[in-house]
C-alpha atoms as a PDB file:
ATOM      1  CA  MET A   1     -63.910 -16.708 -15.827  1.00  0.00           C
ATOM      2  CA  SER A   2     -61.043 -18.659 -17.255  1.00  0.00           C
ATOM      3  CA  ASP A   3     -58.289 -16.582 -15.685  1.00  0.00           C
ATOM      4  CA  PRO A   4     -57.622 -16.924 -11.955  1.00  0.00           C
ATOM      5  CA  SER A   5     -58.908 -13.885 -10.143  1.00  0.00           C
ATOM      6  CA  GLY A   6     -59.435 -12.862  -6.570  1.00  0.00           C
ATOM      7  CA  LEU A   7     -56.278 -14.717  -5.531  1.00  0.00           C
ATOM      8  CA  THR A   8     -55.086 -12.145  -3.041  1.00  0.00           C
ATOM      9  CA  ALA A   9     -54.936 -12.405   0.706  1.00  0.00           C
ATOM     10  CA  ALA A  10     -58.123 -10.393   0.938  1.00  0.00           C
ATOM     11  CA  ALA A  11     -59.964 -12.967  -1.151  1.00  0.00           C
ATOM     12  CA  LEU A  12     -60.121 -14.930   2.075  1.00  0.00           C
ATOM     13  CA  ARG A  13     -62.659 -12.398   3.293  1.00  0.00           C
ATOM     14  CA  GLY A  14     -64.884 -13.957   0.560  1.00  0.00           C
ATOM     15  CA  ALA A  15     -68.584 -13.320   0.190  1.00  0.00           C
ATOM     16  CA  VAL A  16     -69.574 -16.999   0.380  1.00  0.00           C
ATOM     17  CA  ASP A  17     -71.196 -17.917   3.693  1.00  0.00           C
ATOM     18  CA  LEU A  18     -70.145 -21.412   4.731  1.00  0.00           C
ATOM     19  CA  SER A  19     -71.015 -21.031   8.397  1.00  0.00           C
ATOM     20  CA  SER A  20     -74.016 -23.364   8.158  1.00  0.00           C
ATOM     21  CA  LEU A  21     -71.746 -26.161   6.961  1.00  0.00           C
ATOM     22  CA  ARG A  22     -69.073 -25.879   9.629  1.00  0.00           C
ATOM     23  CA  ASN A  23     -70.116 -28.091  12.481  1.00  0.00           C
ATOM     24  CA  ARG A  24     -71.509 -31.011  10.545  1.00  0.00           C
ATOM     25  CA  PRO A  25     -70.204 -34.378  11.729  1.00  0.00           C
ATOM     26  CA  ALA A  26     -67.987 -36.112   9.210  1.00  0.00           C
ATOM     27  CA  PRO A  27     -69.138 -39.535   8.055  1.00  0.00           C
ATOM     28  CA  ALA A  28     -67.853 -42.401  10.189  1.00  0.00           C
ATOM     29  CA  SER A  29     -65.654 -43.552   7.308  1.00  0.00           C
ATOM     30  CA  ALA A  30     -63.835 -40.221   6.994  1.00  0.00           C
ATOM     31  CA  PRO A  31     -60.313 -40.452   8.422  1.00  0.00           C
ATOM     32  CA  ALA A  32     -59.674 -37.811  11.066  1.00  0.00           C
ATOM     33  CA  GLY A  33     -57.231 -35.179   9.919  1.00  0.00           C
ATOM     34  CA  GLY A  34     -56.933 -36.599   6.421  1.00  0.00           C
ATOM     35  CA  ALA A  35     -58.554 -36.175   3.068  1.00  0.00           C
ATOM     36  CA  PRO A  36     -62.068 -37.499   2.467  1.00  0.00           C
ATOM     37  CA  ASN A  37     -62.216 -41.227   1.891  1.00  0.00           C
ATOM     38  CA  GLY A  38     -62.324 -42.524  -1.644  1.00  0.00           C
ATOM     39  CA  SER A  39     -65.608 -43.331  -3.317  1.00  0.00           C
ATOM     40  CA  SER A  40     -66.893 -44.234  -6.713  1.00  0.00           C
ATOM     41  CA  SER A  41     -67.110 -41.273  -9.043  1.00  0.00           C
ATOM     42  CA  PRO A  42     -69.752 -40.818 -11.742  1.00  0.00           C
ATOM     43  CA  GLY A  43     -67.332 -41.761 -14.486  1.00  0.00           C
ATOM     44  CA  GLY A  44     -66.450 -45.061 -12.828  1.00  0.00           C
ATOM     45  CA  GLU A  45     -63.121 -43.690 -11.581  1.00  0.00           C
ATOM     46  CA  THR A  46     -62.211 -44.567  -8.015  1.00  0.00           C
ATOM     47  CA  ALA A  47     -61.706 -41.448  -5.926  1.00  0.00           C
ATOM     48  CA  SER A  48     -58.687 -41.287  -3.639  1.00  0.00           C
ATOM     49  CA  SER A  49     -57.182 -39.287  -0.812  1.00  0.00           C
ATOM     50  CA  LEU A  50     -56.418 -36.545  -3.343  1.00  0.00           C
ATOM     51  CA  VAL A  51     -59.668 -36.696  -5.319  1.00  0.00           C
ATOM     52  CA  ALA A  52     -62.955 -37.500  -3.595  1.00  0.00           C
ATOM     53  CA  ASP A  53     -66.690 -36.943  -3.819  1.00  0.00           C
ATOM     54  CA  VAL A  54     -68.392 -35.090  -0.952  1.00  0.00           C
ATOM     55  CA  THR A  55     -71.954 -34.196  -0.005  1.00  0.00           C
ATOM     56  CA  ASP A  56     -73.881 -31.686   2.068  1.00  0.00           C
ATOM     57  CA  ALA A  57     -73.461 -33.983   5.075  1.00  0.00           C
ATOM     58  CA  SER A  58     -69.718 -34.587   4.771  1.00  0.00           C
ATOM     59  CA  PHE A  59     -68.555 -31.101   3.842  1.00  0.00           C
ATOM     60  CA  GLY A  60     -67.730 -30.026   7.403  1.00  0.00           C
ATOM     61  CA  HIS A  61     -64.709 -32.334   7.290  1.00  0.00           C
ATOM     62  CA  VAL A  62     -63.536 -30.617   4.105  1.00  0.00           C
ATOM     63  CA  LEU A  63     -63.573 -27.228   5.833  1.00  0.00           C
ATOM     64  CA  GLU A  64     -61.343 -28.578   8.573  1.00  0.00           C
ATOM     65  CA  LEU A  65     -58.996 -30.190   6.043  1.00  0.00           C
ATOM     66  CA  SER A  66     -58.563 -26.829   4.296  1.00  0.00           C
ATOM     67  CA  ARG A  67     -56.812 -25.495   7.402  1.00  0.00           C
ATOM     68  CA  SER A  68     -53.839 -27.712   6.633  1.00  0.00           C
ATOM     69  CA  VAL A  69     -53.914 -28.100   2.829  1.00  0.00           C
ATOM     70  CA  PRO A  70     -55.699 -26.058   0.118  1.00  0.00           C
ATOM     71  CA  VAL A  71     -58.845 -27.775  -1.150  1.00  0.00           C
ATOM     72  CA  VAL A  72     -60.208 -27.301  -4.669  1.00  0.00           C
ATOM     73  CA  VAL A  73     -63.999 -27.729  -4.800  1.00  0.00           C
ATOM     74  CA  GLU A  74     -65.428 -28.763  -8.173  1.00  0.00           C
ATOM     75  CA  LEU A  75     -69.156 -28.073  -8.508  1.00  0.00           C
ATOM     76  CA  TRP A  76     -70.367 -30.276 -11.357  1.00  0.00           C
ATOM     77  CA  SER A  77     -73.571 -31.692 -12.777  1.00  0.00           C
ATOM     78  CA  PRO A  78     -74.384 -34.763 -14.895  1.00  0.00           C
ATOM     79  CA  ARG A  79     -76.357 -32.348 -17.080  1.00  0.00           C
ATOM     80  CA  ALA A  80     -73.205 -30.313 -17.751  1.00  0.00           C
ATOM     81  CA  GLY A  81     -70.952 -33.158 -18.776  1.00  0.00           C
ATOM     82  CA  GLY A  82     -69.892 -34.695 -15.462  1.00  0.00           C
ATOM     83  CA  THR A  83     -66.621 -34.229 -13.610  1.00  0.00           C
ATOM     84  CA  ASP A  84     -63.457 -32.834 -15.203  1.00  0.00           C
ATOM     85  CA  ALA A  85     -60.749 -35.485 -15.565  1.00  0.00           C
ATOM     86  CA  GLY A  86     -58.195 -32.820 -16.499  1.00  0.00           C
ATOM     87  CA  LEU A  87     -58.813 -31.001 -13.228  1.00  0.00           C
ATOM     88  CA  ALA A  88     -58.278 -34.212 -11.270  1.00  0.00           C
ATOM     89  CA  ASN A  89     -55.063 -34.932 -13.163  1.00  0.00           C
ATOM     90  CA  ALA A  90     -53.770 -31.415 -12.504  1.00  0.00           C
ATOM     91  CA  VAL A  91     -54.454 -31.761  -8.773  1.00  0.00           C
ATOM     92  CA  ARG A  92     -52.677 -35.129  -8.622  1.00  0.00           C
ATOM     93  CA  ALA A  93     -49.703 -33.578 -10.409  1.00  0.00           C
ATOM     94  CA  GLN A  94     -49.231 -31.260  -7.415  1.00  0.00           C
ATOM     95  CA  GLY A  95     -47.948 -34.226  -5.401  1.00  0.00           C
ATOM     96  CA  GLY A  96     -50.272 -33.880  -2.420  1.00  0.00           C
ATOM     97  CA  ARG A  97     -50.051 -30.103  -2.010  1.00  0.00           C
ATOM     98  CA  LEU A  98     -53.705 -29.814  -3.105  1.00  0.00           C
ATOM     99  CA  VAL A  99     -56.840 -31.895  -2.622  1.00  0.00           C
ATOM    100  CA  LEU A 100     -59.829 -31.984  -4.994  1.00  0.00           C
ATOM    101  CA  VAL A 101     -63.364 -32.597  -3.738  1.00  0.00           C
ATOM    102  CA  ARG A 102     -66.244 -32.949  -6.179  1.00  0.00           C
ATOM    103  CA  VAL A 103     -69.803 -31.885  -5.437  1.00  0.00           C
ATOM    104  CA  ASP A 104     -72.761 -33.008  -7.535  1.00  0.00           C
ATOM    105  CA  ALA A 105     -74.723 -29.750  -7.671  1.00  0.00           C
ATOM    106  CA  ASP A 106     -77.951 -31.571  -8.505  1.00  0.00           C
ATOM    107  CA  ALA A 107     -77.772 -33.742  -5.388  1.00  0.00           C
ATOM    108  CA  ASN A 108     -76.411 -31.259  -2.821  1.00  0.00           C
ATOM    109  CA  PRO A 109     -78.639 -28.168  -2.648  1.00  0.00           C
ATOM    110  CA  GLN A 110     -77.184 -26.824   0.605  1.00  0.00           C
ATOM    111  CA  LEU A 111     -73.706 -26.554  -0.860  1.00  0.00           C
ATOM    112  CA  VAL A 112     -75.082 -24.929  -3.997  1.00  0.00           C
ATOM    113  CA  GLN A 113     -76.944 -22.411  -1.842  1.00  0.00           C
ATOM    114  CA  ALA A 114     -73.756 -21.690   0.133  1.00  0.00           C
ATOM    115  CA  PHE A 115     -71.475 -21.249  -2.873  1.00  0.00           C
ATOM    116  CA  ARG A 116     -74.056 -19.537  -5.127  1.00  0.00           C
ATOM    117  CA  PRO A 117     -72.310 -20.563  -8.385  1.00  0.00           C
ATOM    118  CA  GLN A 118     -73.016 -18.337 -11.367  1.00  0.00           C
ATOM    119  CA  SER A 119     -72.716 -21.356 -13.628  1.00  0.00           C
ATOM    120  CA  ILE A 120     -71.929 -25.064 -13.527  1.00  0.00           C
ATOM    121  CA  PRO A 121     -69.244 -26.384 -13.703  1.00  0.00           C
ATOM    122  CA  MET A 122     -67.357 -24.087 -11.361  1.00  0.00           C
ATOM    123  CA  ALA A 123     -64.203 -24.408  -9.237  1.00  0.00           C
ATOM    124  CA  ILE A 124     -63.688 -22.707  -5.875  1.00  0.00           C
ATOM    125  CA  ALA A 125     -60.775 -23.183  -3.503  1.00  0.00           C
ATOM    126  CA  LEU A 126     -60.904 -23.340   0.274  1.00  0.00           C
ATOM    127  CA  VAL A 127     -57.958 -21.998   2.261  1.00  0.00           C
ATOM    128  CA  ALA A 128     -58.175 -22.063   6.053  1.00  0.00           C
ATOM    129  CA  GLY A 129     -61.923 -22.580   5.793  1.00  0.00           C
ATOM    130  CA  GLN A 130     -62.466 -19.558   3.572  1.00  0.00           C
ATOM    131  CA  PRO A 131     -63.530 -19.567  -0.102  1.00  0.00           C
ATOM    132  CA  VAL A 132     -61.360 -18.290  -2.947  1.00  0.00           C
ATOM    133  CA  PRO A 133     -62.963 -18.061  -6.422  1.00  0.00           C
ATOM    134  CA  LEU A 134     -60.988 -19.881  -9.124  1.00  0.00           C
ATOM    135  CA  PHE A 135     -62.868 -20.186 -12.425  1.00  0.00           C
ATOM    136  CA  ALA A 136     -66.167 -21.084 -14.038  1.00  0.00           C
ATOM    137  CA  GLY A 137     -66.389 -23.474 -16.954  1.00  0.00           C
ATOM    138  CA  ALA A 138     -63.589 -25.653 -18.204  1.00  0.00           C
ATOM    139  CA  VAL A 139     -59.951 -24.535 -18.150  1.00  0.00           C
ATOM    140  CA  PRO A 140     -57.370 -26.287 -20.360  1.00  0.00           C
ATOM    141  CA  GLU A 141     -55.267 -28.654 -18.287  1.00  0.00           C
ATOM    142  CA  GLU A 142     -52.050 -26.945 -19.378  1.00  0.00           C
ATOM    143  CA  GLN A 143     -53.255 -23.658 -17.818  1.00  0.00           C
ATOM    144  CA  LEU A 144     -54.215 -25.149 -14.469  1.00  0.00           C
ATOM    145  CA  GLY A 145     -50.602 -25.229 -13.284  1.00  0.00           C
ATOM    146  CA  GLN A 146     -50.509 -21.420 -13.257  1.00  0.00           C
ATOM    147  CA  VAL A 147     -53.838 -21.240 -11.413  1.00  0.00           C
ATOM    148  CA  PHE A 148     -52.606 -23.682  -8.786  1.00  0.00           C
ATOM    149  CA  ALA A 149     -49.256 -21.884  -8.423  1.00  0.00           C
ATOM    150  CA  GLN A 150     -51.130 -18.721  -7.457  1.00  0.00           C
ATOM    151  CA  LEU A 151     -53.423 -20.677  -5.132  1.00  0.00           C
ATOM    152  CA  LEU A 152     -50.464 -22.274  -3.360  1.00  0.00           C
ATOM    153  CA  GLN A 153     -48.837 -18.865  -3.010  1.00  0.00           C
ATOM    154  CA  LEU A 154     -51.992 -17.490  -1.413  1.00  0.00           C
ATOM    155  CA  ALA A 155     -52.211 -20.497   0.877  1.00  0.00           C
ATOM    156  CA  ALA A 156     -48.607 -19.986   1.975  1.00  0.00           C
ATOM    157  CA  GLN A 157     -49.365 -16.370   2.802  1.00  0.00           C
ATOM    158  CA  ASN A 158     -52.062 -17.641   5.160  1.00  0.00           C
ATOM    159  CA  GLY A 159     -50.015 -20.406   6.758  1.00  0.00           C
ATOM    160  CA  VAL A 160     -51.642 -23.313   4.889  1.00  0.00           C
ATOM    161  CA  THR A 161     -48.637 -25.293   3.663  1.00  0.00           C
ATOM    162  CA  GLY A 162     -49.428 -28.925   4.489  1.00  0.00           C
ATOM    163  CA  THR A 163     -49.453 -31.896   2.142  1.00  0.00           C
ATOM    164  CA  VAL A 164     -51.513 -35.054   1.895  1.00  0.00           C
ATOM    165  CA  PRO A 165     -49.554 -38.286   1.405  1.00  0.00           C
ATOM    166  CA  ALA A 166     -51.229 -40.298  -1.314  1.00  0.00           C
ATOM    167  CA  GLU A 167     -50.318 -43.274  -3.433  1.00  0.00           C
ATOM    168  CA  ASP A 168     -51.878 -41.672  -6.498  1.00  0.00           C
ATOM    169  CA  ALA A 169     -49.940 -38.419  -6.233  1.00  0.00           C
ATOM    170  CA  GLU A 170     -47.901 -38.002  -9.361  1.00  0.00           C
ATOM    171  CA  ALA A 171     -44.238 -37.513  -8.658  1.00  0.00           C
ATOM    172  CA  PRO A 172     -43.071 -34.300 -10.334  1.00  0.00           C
ATOM    173  CA  ALA A 173     -40.033 -36.058 -11.789  1.00  0.00           C
ATOM    174  CA  ALA A 174     -42.246 -38.647 -13.456  1.00  0.00           C
ATOM    175  CA  GLU A 175     -44.137 -35.868 -15.210  1.00  0.00           C
ATOM    176  CA  GLY A 176     -40.967 -34.044 -16.167  1.00  0.00           C
ATOM    177  CA  GLU A 177     -41.876 -31.032 -14.031  1.00  0.00           C
ATOM    178  CA  ARG A 178     -39.010 -28.769 -13.120  1.00  0.00           C
ATOM    179  CA  PRO A 179     -38.414 -27.967  -9.449  1.00  0.00           C
ATOM    180  CA  LEU A 180     -39.455 -24.532  -8.228  1.00  0.00           C
ATOM    181  CA  PRO A 181     -36.969 -22.041  -9.705  1.00  0.00           C
ATOM    182  CA  PRO A 182     -34.611 -20.577  -7.085  1.00  0.00           C
ATOM    183  CA  LEU A 183     -35.971 -17.028  -7.377  1.00  0.00           C
ATOM    184  CA  HIS A 184     -39.564 -18.266  -7.090  1.00  0.00           C
ATOM    185  CA  ALA A 185     -38.576 -20.303  -4.045  1.00  0.00           C
ATOM    186  CA  GLU A 186     -36.956 -17.217  -2.542  1.00  0.00           C
ATOM    187  CA  ALA A 187     -40.120 -15.200  -3.167  1.00  0.00           C
ATOM    188  CA  PHE A 188     -42.322 -17.872  -1.564  1.00  0.00           C
ATOM    189  CA  ALA A 189     -40.054 -18.031   1.490  1.00  0.00           C
ATOM    190  CA  ALA A 190     -40.170 -14.239   1.838  1.00  0.00           C
ATOM    191  CA  ILE A 191     -43.965 -14.170   1.529  1.00  0.00           C
ATOM    192  CA  GLU A 192     -44.316 -16.760   4.273  1.00  0.00           C
ATOM    193  CA  VAL A 193     -42.579 -14.419   6.731  1.00  0.00           C
ATOM    194  CA  GLY A 194     -44.286 -11.266   5.438  1.00  0.00           C
ATOM    195  CA  ASP A 195     -41.141  -9.840   3.811  1.00  0.00           C
ATOM    196  CA  TYR A 196     -42.835  -8.426   0.719  1.00  0.00           C
ATOM    197  CA  THR A 197     -39.848  -6.266  -0.219  1.00  0.00           C
ATOM    198  CA  ARG A 198     -37.634  -9.317  -0.600  1.00  0.00           C
ATOM    199  CA  ALA A 199     -40.377 -11.189  -2.467  1.00  0.00           C
ATOM    200  CA  ILE A 200     -40.805  -8.290  -4.898  1.00  0.00           C
ATOM    201  CA  ALA A 201     -37.059  -8.165  -5.522  1.00  0.00           C
ATOM    202  CA  ALA A 202     -36.968 -11.911  -6.223  1.00  0.00           C
ATOM    203  CA  TYR A 203     -39.843 -11.757  -8.705  1.00  0.00           C
ATOM    204  CA  GLU A 204     -38.366  -8.686 -10.403  1.00  0.00           C
ATOM    205  CA  GLN A 205     -35.044 -10.483 -10.827  1.00  0.00           C
ATOM    206  CA  ALA A 206     -36.873 -13.513 -12.228  1.00  0.00           C
ATOM    207  CA  LEU A 207     -38.538 -11.281 -14.810  1.00  0.00           C
ATOM    208  CA  LYS A 208     -35.225  -9.685 -15.729  1.00  0.00           C
ATOM    209  CA  GLU A 209     -33.872 -13.138 -16.442  1.00  0.00           C
ATOM    210  CA  ASN A 210     -37.033 -14.263 -18.243  1.00  0.00           C
ATOM    211  CA  PRO A 211     -39.495 -11.513 -19.230  1.00  0.00           C
ATOM    212  CA  ARG A 212     -41.992 -14.192 -20.305  1.00  0.00           C
ATOM    213  CA  ASP A 213     -42.194 -15.806 -16.857  1.00  0.00           C
ATOM    214  CA  GLU A 214     -45.970 -15.581 -16.369  1.00  0.00           C
ATOM    215  CA  GLU A 215     -45.901 -17.038 -12.864  1.00  0.00           C
ATOM    216  CA  ALA A 216     -43.370 -14.439 -11.761  1.00  0.00           C
ATOM    217  CA  GLN A 217     -45.442 -11.678 -13.365  1.00  0.00           C
ATOM    218  CA  ALA A 218     -48.591 -12.836 -11.571  1.00  0.00           C
ATOM    219  CA  GLY A 219     -46.752 -13.237  -8.270  1.00  0.00           C
ATOM    220  CA  LEU A 220     -45.149  -9.815  -8.565  1.00  0.00           C
ATOM    221  CA  GLY A 221     -48.501  -8.107  -9.067  1.00  0.00           C
ATOM    222  CA  GLN A 222     -50.029  -9.855  -6.075  1.00  0.00           C
ATOM    223  CA  VAL A 223     -47.114  -9.148  -3.759  1.00  0.00           C
ATOM    224  CA  ARG A 224     -46.963  -5.505  -4.802  1.00  0.00           C
ATOM    225  CA  LEU A 225     -50.637  -5.149  -3.942  1.00  0.00           C
ATOM    226  CA  LEU A 226     -50.185  -6.855  -0.583  1.00  0.00           C
ATOM    227  CA  SER A 227     -47.227  -4.592   0.162  1.00  0.00           C
ATOM    228  CA  ARG A 228     -49.185  -1.438  -0.706  1.00  0.00           C
ATOM    229  CA  VAL A 229     -52.208  -2.275   1.458  1.00  0.00           C
ATOM    230  CA  GLN A 230     -50.286  -3.661   4.417  1.00  0.00           C
ATOM    231  CA  GLY A 231     -51.091  -1.608   7.523  1.00  0.00           C
ATOM    232  CA  VAL A 232     -53.272   0.932   5.681  1.00  0.00           C
ATOM    233  CA  ASP A 233     -56.275   2.206   7.636  1.00  0.00           C
ATOM    234  CA  LEU A 234     -59.302   1.874   5.364  1.00  0.00           C
ATOM    235  CA  GLN A 235     -61.369   4.670   6.879  1.00  0.00           C
ATOM    236  CA  ALA A 236     -58.461   7.113   6.940  1.00  0.00           C
ATOM    237  CA  ALA A 237     -57.595   6.267   3.337  1.00  0.00           C
ATOM    238  CA  ARG A 238     -61.176   6.843   2.190  1.00  0.00           C
ATOM    239  CA  ALA A 239     -61.360  10.131   4.056  1.00  0.00           C
ATOM    240  CA  ALA A 240     -58.131  11.338   2.468  1.00  0.00           C
ATOM    241  CA  ALA A 241     -59.358  10.372  -1.001  1.00  0.00           C
ATOM    242  CA  ALA A 242     -62.697  12.100  -0.477  1.00  0.00           C
ATOM    243  CA  ALA A 243     -60.916  15.293   0.622  1.00  0.00           C
ATOM    244  CA  ALA A 244     -58.623  15.328  -2.435  1.00  0.00           C
ATOM    245  CA  PRO A 245     -60.437  13.937  -5.507  1.00  0.00           C
ATOM    246  CA  GLN A 246     -57.417  14.480  -7.803  1.00  0.00           C
ATOM    247  CA  ASP A 247     -54.717  13.305  -5.410  1.00  0.00           C
ATOM    248  CA  VAL A 248     -53.276  10.431  -7.420  1.00  0.00           C
ATOM    249  CA  GLU A 249     -51.665   8.584  -4.520  1.00  0.00           C
ATOM    250  CA  ALA A 250     -54.757   8.893  -2.326  1.00  0.00           C
ATOM    251  CA  GLN A 251     -57.074   7.612  -5.046  1.00  0.00           C
ATOM    252  CA  MET A 252     -54.785   4.739  -6.014  1.00  0.00           C
ATOM    253  CA  ARG A 253     -54.499   3.715  -2.355  1.00  0.00           C
ATOM    254  CA  VAL A 254     -58.270   3.358  -2.068  1.00  0.00           C
ATOM    255  CA  ALA A 255     -58.420   1.513  -5.389  1.00  0.00           C
ATOM    256  CA  ASP A 256     -55.866  -0.977  -4.050  1.00  0.00           C
ATOM    257  CA  LEU A 257     -57.969  -1.475  -0.926  1.00  0.00           C
ATOM    258  CA  ASP A 258     -61.077  -1.983  -3.051  1.00  0.00           C
ATOM    259  CA  ILE A 259     -59.347  -4.614  -5.183  1.00  0.00           C
ATOM    260  CA  SER A 260     -58.012  -6.417  -2.121  1.00  0.00           C
ATOM    261  CA  GLY A 261     -61.515  -6.387  -0.639  1.00  0.00           C
ATOM    262  CA  GLY A 262     -63.135  -7.748  -3.792  1.00  0.00           C
ATOM    263  CA  HIS A 263     -64.734  -4.459  -4.945  1.00  0.00           C
ATOM    264  CA  VAL A 264     -63.244  -4.703  -8.404  1.00  0.00           C
ATOM    265  CA  GLU A 265     -65.637  -2.445 -10.312  1.00  0.00           C
ATOM    266  CA  ASP A 266     -65.395   0.271  -7.637  1.00  0.00           C
ATOM    267  CA  ALA A 267     -61.605   0.251  -7.972  1.00  0.00           C
ATOM    268  CA  PHE A 268     -61.702   0.452 -11.757  1.00  0.00           C
ATOM    269  CA  ASP A 269     -64.356   3.202 -11.780  1.00  0.00           C
ATOM    270  CA  ARG A 270     -62.386   5.281  -9.287  1.00  0.00           C
ATOM    271  CA  LEU A 271     -59.197   5.151 -11.336  1.00  0.00           C
ATOM    272  CA  LEU A 272     -60.934   5.681 -14.663  1.00  0.00           C
ATOM    273  CA  GLU A 273     -62.729   8.766 -13.343  1.00  0.00           C
ATOM    274  CA  LEU A 274     -59.414  10.051 -11.992  1.00  0.00           C
ATOM    275  CA  PHE A 275     -57.720   9.357 -15.320  1.00  0.00           C
ATOM    276  CA  ALA A 276     -60.411  11.314 -17.168  1.00  0.00           C
ATOM    277  CA  ALA A 277     -60.117  14.280 -14.805  1.00  0.00           C
ATOM    278  CA  LEU A 278     -56.327  14.633 -14.853  1.00  0.00           C
ATOM    279  CA  PRO A 279     -54.254  16.638 -17.333  1.00  0.00           C
ATOM    280  CA  ALA A 280     -52.654  14.446 -19.996  1.00  0.00           C
ATOM    281  CA  ASP A 281     -49.159  14.805 -18.541  1.00  0.00           C
ATOM    282  CA  GLU A 282     -50.284  13.481 -15.130  1.00  0.00           C
ATOM    283  CA  ARG A 283     -52.132  10.385 -16.300  1.00  0.00           C
ATOM    284  CA  ALA A 284     -49.294   7.886 -16.706  1.00  0.00           C
ATOM    285  CA  PRO A 285     -49.184   6.570 -13.097  1.00  0.00           C
ATOM    286  CA  VAL A 286     -52.937   5.974 -13.119  1.00  0.00           C
ATOM    287  CA  ARG A 287     -52.790   4.113 -16.421  1.00  0.00           C
ATOM    288  CA  GLU A 288     -49.926   1.953 -15.151  1.00  0.00           C
ATOM    289  CA  ARG A 289     -51.845   1.095 -11.981  1.00  0.00           C
ATOM    290  CA  LEU A 290     -54.937   0.208 -13.975  1.00  0.00           C
ATOM    291  CA  LEU A 291     -52.947  -2.123 -16.211  1.00  0.00           C
ATOM    292  CA  GLU A 292     -51.391  -3.771 -13.181  1.00  0.00           C
ATOM    293  CA  LEU A 293     -54.802  -4.326 -11.581  1.00  0.00           C
ATOM    294  CA  PHE A 294     -56.193  -5.651 -14.869  1.00  0.00           C
ATOM    295  CA  GLY A 295     -53.466  -8.284 -14.773  1.00  0.00           C
ATOM    296  CA  LEU A 296     -54.382  -9.254 -11.214  1.00  0.00           C
ATOM    297  CA  VAL A 297     -58.070  -9.718 -11.949  1.00  0.00           C
ATOM    298  CA  GLY A 298     -57.515 -11.478 -15.286  1.00  0.00           C
ATOM    299  CA  ALA A 299     -57.695 -10.335 -18.885  1.00  0.00           C
ATOM    300  CA  ALA A 300     -60.793 -12.420 -19.656  1.00  0.00           C
ATOM    301  CA  ASP A 301     -62.822 -11.141 -16.709  1.00  0.00           C
ATOM    302  CA  PRO A 302     -65.819  -9.121 -18.022  1.00  0.00           C
ATOM    303  CA  ARG A 303     -65.067  -6.300 -15.571  1.00  0.00           C
ATOM    304  CA  VAL A 304     -61.572  -5.988 -16.996  1.00  0.00           C
ATOM    305  CA  VAL A 305     -62.866  -6.084 -20.558  1.00  0.00           C
ATOM    306  CA  ARG A 306     -65.303  -3.236 -19.831  1.00  0.00           C
ATOM    307  CA  ALA A 307     -62.756  -1.152 -17.953  1.00  0.00           C
ATOM    308  CA  ARG A 308     -60.083  -1.666 -20.603  1.00  0.00           C
ATOM    309  CA  GLY A 309     -62.528  -0.540 -23.276  1.00  0.00           C
ATOM    310  CA  ARG A 310     -63.322   2.605 -21.329  1.00  0.00           C
ATOM    311  CA  LEU A 311     -59.624   3.310 -20.786  1.00  0.00           C
ATOM    312  CA  THR A 312     -59.000   2.958 -24.529  1.00  0.00           C
ATOM    313  CA  SER A 313     -61.792   5.418 -25.303  1.00  0.00           C
ATOM    314  CA  LEU A 314     -60.304   7.919 -22.849  1.00  0.00           C
ATOM    315  CA  LEU A 315     -56.882   7.566 -24.453  1.00  0.00           C
ATOM    316  CA  PHE A 316     -58.146   8.227 -27.963  1.00  0.00           C
END
């Protein structure tokens, strides 16, 4: 998928099993507590503290590193065109807030078995040792900033806010990047302390000032979801929904929990079935929730495309 998806706090419950890779000794050359040491990359580029090549044997160190700074894992293959220079440039542009590690899928079967990529190339993030799906295939470099903004927001929600000092980190000023807008900064600060109400208000104000602010729109959807599922008992919510099949609030609550747990199709099916069963004058809240969840998962995701098509057929 080319749109970031799964970037919610619950994505950290991910389905990828990395337990077999956890207690591997790092190579003797790996600096303790830092990014993997530089090495020669397939394209002749010298890897650095921000961009490095790793293997089955050295990946345990990467898991530990992800507890202090988000790590982007690029699964690549010489047969699929090699590593992505644009991805490396986009990581460097984050000034040390992200690290990129590159895995040759042909040479590292244990990592491929752990990540189970649907296709190569593929990018997955690690936050606090847990996997977060990013995208498969190539993403234009100009779009990666939005993907990384959402990843950094998720990392902040989980207390991963470190940086890696590196000589090759591109200074934002040199690239002409603007500093984080004040309302975005306010939202991030609120998220870090779990104040979702304040974060929502900041993003809403940002959208009032600039309705085309895509990062604010994405952040608002994520924080609203986190706010709705905070403290909800899953079993009680499912029981309430089962007892009242046309209770809009009960069904939407379970759909939110399904999305946050990665059960995207279950969430969409539940709301679409509810939409079909309701009288026309009661459908609006369900449609609005569906559209919001579509935005969270990503417009290009096949599950969204299918669900949106079904919604359209129900409308007309």
